[in-house]
Amino acid sequence: MTNPLSFDFSNLRGDLFGGLTAGIVALPLALAFGAQTALGPMAGLYGAIAIIAALFGGTPTQVSGPTAPMTVVSSAVIASFLVESGAETIAEALPIILATFFLAGVIEMVFGIIKLGKYIKYIPYPVVSGFTSGIGVIIVITQLSPALGYDTANDTALIESRRALIRS
């Protein structure tokens, strides 16, 4: 790990444009991920601002932030907690959700300390490619309805109106 307090001013221009580019890309992404939760876009923004990954990261060229694969895994975990705990809202299940993600971070740090990352080379490329492609398909499928103007909040009313047309 490099010293986070040292800075090489010879790369200032590249660092400035690199940071600006990463920020331009990360801001709408973070807002979109936050908007997909019950916590709102600001939660996504706060998640993107967190510098914990940058401080504990292993490379000086690292850009961290929310990602689509992690969002899919997280949504599965959150949905599971809502079902298992019987919580009515995300706010009710938030303490256990936060504890789970904190524990996952601790486990990830332990894996880093004992150098388990070197075994990633044994995961076949088709598995990684299939996982990433699957995430892409899930994102496309979930965005088709909103892109076509379908409002899922009014889903029941739409179904009932279609049933009335069929019965007529």
Protein backbone atom coordinates (compact mmCIF):
# COMPACT_ATOMS: atom_id res chain seq x y z
CA MET A 1 0.00 0.00 0.00
CA THR A 2 1.28 3.45 -0.82
CA ASN A 3 1.39 6.28 1.64
CA PRO A 4 -1.91 8.18 1.29
CA LEU A 5 -0.29 11.36 2.60
CA SER A 6 2.39 11.54 -0.10
CA PHE A 7 1.53 13.09 -3.43
CA ASP A 8 3.57 13.39 -6.61
CA PHE A 9 2.89 16.85 -8.06
CA SER A 10 4.47 15.89 -11.39
CA ASN A 11 1.21 14.07 -12.25
CA LEU A 12 -1.10 16.84 -11.04
CA ARG A 13 -2.72 17.53 -14.43
CA GLY A 14 -3.38 13.81 -15.11
CA ASP A 15 -4.66 13.28 -11.56
CA LEU A 16 -6.98 16.27 -11.88
CA PHE A 17 -8.49 15.15 -15.21
CA GLY A 18 -8.64 11.53 -14.06
CA GLY A 19 -10.49 12.50 -10.89
CA LEU A 20 -12.85 14.76 -12.82
CA THR A 21 -13.61 12.02 -15.34
CA ALA A 22 -14.19 9.43 -12.60
CA GLY A 23 -16.48 11.88 -10.80
CA ILE A 24 -18.51 12.63 -13.92
CA VAL A 25 -19.02 8.91 -14.51
CA ALA A 26 -19.60 7.96 -10.86
CA LEU A 27 -22.07 10.72 -9.91
CA PRO A 28 -25.04 9.70 -12.08
CA LEU A 29 -24.32 6.03 -11.40
CA ALA A 30 -24.33 6.59 -7.63
CA LEU A 31 -27.53 8.65 -7.82
CA ALA A 32 -29.21 5.94 -9.90
CA PHE A 33 -28.22 3.19 -7.48
CA GLY A 34 -29.49 5.27 -4.57
CA ALA A 35 -32.76 5.98 -6.40
CA GLN A 36 -33.32 2.22 -6.72
CA THR A 37 -33.38 1.91 -2.93
CA ALA A 38 -35.94 3.11 -0.45
CA LEU A 39 -33.27 5.44 0.95
CA GLY A 40 -33.21 7.71 -2.12
CA PRO A 41 -30.55 9.20 -4.39
CA MET A 42 -28.69 10.89 -1.54
CA ALA A 43 -27.88 7.48 -0.05
CA GLY A 44 -26.19 6.54 -3.31
CA LEU A 45 -24.28 9.80 -3.29
CA TYR A 46 -23.08 9.23 0.27
CA GLY A 47 -22.00 5.73 -0.70
CA ALA A 48 -19.94 7.09 -3.58
CA ILE A 49 -18.34 9.75 -1.39
CA ALA A 50 -17.14 7.22 1.22
CA ILE A 51 -13.35 7.04 0.91
CA ILE A 52 -12.84 3.85 2.89
CA ALA A 53 -11.98 1.82 -0.22
CA ALA A 54 -9.50 4.45 -1.34
CA LEU A 55 -7.73 4.49 2.02
CA PHE A 56 -7.44 0.70 2.29
CA GLY A 57 -7.04 -0.01 -1.43
CA GLY A 58 -3.97 -1.66 -2.83
CA THR A 59 -3.33 0.49 -5.89
CA PRO A 60 -2.85 4.23 -6.37
CA THR A 61 -4.92 4.17 -9.61
CA GLN A 62 -8.02 2.72 -7.95
CA VAL A 63 -11.46 4.18 -8.59
CA SER A 64 -14.09 2.83 -6.24
CA GLY A 65 -17.84 3.16 -6.19
CA PRO A 66 -21.07 1.21 -6.53
CA THR A 67 -21.23 -1.44 -9.25
CA ALA A 68 -24.09 -3.26 -10.95
CA PRO A 69 -23.01 -6.79 -9.89
CA MET A 70 -22.75 -5.73 -6.26
CA THR A 71 -26.15 -4.07 -6.50
CA VAL A 72 -27.78 -7.30 -7.69
CA VAL A 73 -26.14 -9.30 -4.89
CA SER A 74 -27.08 -6.63 -2.35
CA SER A 75 -30.70 -6.52 -3.49
CA ALA A 76 -30.94 -10.30 -3.06
CA VAL A 77 -29.54 -10.02 0.48
CA ILE A 78 -31.89 -7.16 1.36
CA ALA A 79 -34.92 -8.96 -0.09
CA SER A 80 -33.98 -12.04 1.92
CA PHE A 81 -33.74 -9.99 5.11
CA LEU A 82 -37.12 -8.40 4.50
CA VAL A 83 -38.74 -11.81 4.05
CA GLU A 84 -36.92 -13.55 6.92
CA SER A 85 -37.30 -10.77 9.47
CA GLY A 86 -40.89 -9.92 8.59
CA ALA A 87 -39.95 -6.26 8.34
CA GLU A 88 -42.44 -4.09 6.53
CA THR A 89 -39.93 -1.48 5.33
CA ILE A 90 -36.23 -1.16 4.61
CA ALA A 91 -35.92 1.14 7.63
CA GLU A 92 -37.01 -1.65 9.97
CA ALA A 93 -34.43 -4.07 8.55
CA LEU A 94 -31.68 -1.46 8.15
CA PRO A 95 -29.68 -2.34 11.31
CA ILE A 96 -29.30 -6.01 10.32
CA ILE A 97 -28.58 -5.07 6.70
CA LEU A 98 -25.83 -2.66 7.75
CA ALA A 99 -24.37 -5.22 10.15
CA THR A 100 -24.29 -7.81 7.36
CA PHE A 101 -22.47 -5.52 4.94
CA PHE A 102 -20.06 -4.43 7.66
CA LEU A 103 -19.32 -8.09 8.41
CA ALA A 104 -18.86 -8.77 4.69
CA GLY A 105 -16.31 -5.93 4.57
CA VAL A 106 -14.43 -7.36 7.54
CA ILE A 107 -14.35 -10.81 5.91
CA GLU A 108 -13.11 -9.23 2.68
CA MET A 109 -10.31 -7.48 4.55
CA VAL A 110 -9.32 -10.75 6.22
CA PHE A 111 -9.23 -12.42 2.79
CA GLY A 112 -6.93 -9.61 1.62
CA ILE A 113 -4.65 -9.96 4.62
CA ILE A 114 -4.22 -13.70 4.07
CA LYS A 115 -3.74 -13.08 0.31
CA LEU A 116 -6.66 -15.15 -1.02
CA GLY A 117 -6.95 -12.88 -4.06
CA LYS A 118 -4.23 -14.80 -5.87
CA TYR A 119 -6.64 -17.71 -6.34
CA ILE A 120 -8.94 -15.68 -8.63
CA LYS A 121 -6.91 -16.97 -11.55
CA TYR A 122 -8.45 -20.41 -10.99
CA ILE A 123 -11.99 -19.19 -11.71
CA PRO A 124 -12.64 -19.96 -15.40
CA TYR A 125 -13.17 -17.02 -17.72
CA PRO A 126 -16.60 -18.30 -18.92
CA VAL A 127 -17.86 -18.23 -15.32
CA VAL A 128 -16.83 -14.60 -14.83
CA SER A 129 -18.08 -13.64 -18.30
CA GLY A 130 -21.40 -15.43 -17.74
CA PHE A 131 -21.89 -13.72 -14.38
CA THR A 132 -21.21 -10.30 -15.89
CA SER A 133 -23.43 -10.99 -18.91
CA GLY A 134 -26.21 -12.21 -16.60
CA ILE A 135 -26.03 -8.95 -14.67
CA GLY A 136 -26.34 -7.04 -17.94
CA VAL A 137 -29.38 -9.07 -18.99
CA ILE A 138 -31.03 -8.48 -15.60
CA ILE A 139 -30.44 -4.73 -15.88
CA VAL A 140 -31.83 -4.59 -19.44
CA ILE A 141 -34.92 -6.65 -18.54
CA THR A 142 -35.72 -4.56 -15.47
CA GLN A 143 -35.39 -1.34 -17.47
CA LEU A 144 -37.55 -2.36 -20.45
CA SER A 145 -40.86 -1.58 -18.74
CA PRO A 146 -39.87 1.90 -17.51
CA ALA A 147 -38.33 2.69 -20.91
CA LEU A 148 -41.64 1.83 -22.57
CA GLY A 149 -43.58 4.02 -20.13
CA TYR A 150 -44.94 1.23 -17.93
CA ASP A 151 -45.52 2.45 -14.37
CA THR A 152 -45.14 -0.46 -11.98
CA ALA A 153 -46.73 1.53 -9.15
CA ASN A 154 -50.06 1.34 -10.97
CA ASP A 155 -49.66 -2.31 -11.90
CA THR A 156 -52.86 -3.55 -10.19
CA ALA A 157 -55.04 -0.94 -11.80
CA LEU A 158 -53.65 -1.76 -15.24
CA ILE A 159 -54.24 -5.49 -14.79
CA GLU A 160 -57.81 -4.91 -13.61
CA SER A 161 -58.55 -2.64 -16.59
CA ARG A 162 -57.21 -5.30 -18.98
CA ARG A 163 -59.32 -7.96 -17.30
CA ALA A 164 -62.41 -5.77 -17.76
CA LEU A 165 -61.61 -5.44 -21.48
CA ILE A 166 -61.20 -9.20 -21.84
CA ARG A 167 -64.51 -9.92 -20.08
CA SER A 168 -66.41 -7.45 -22.31
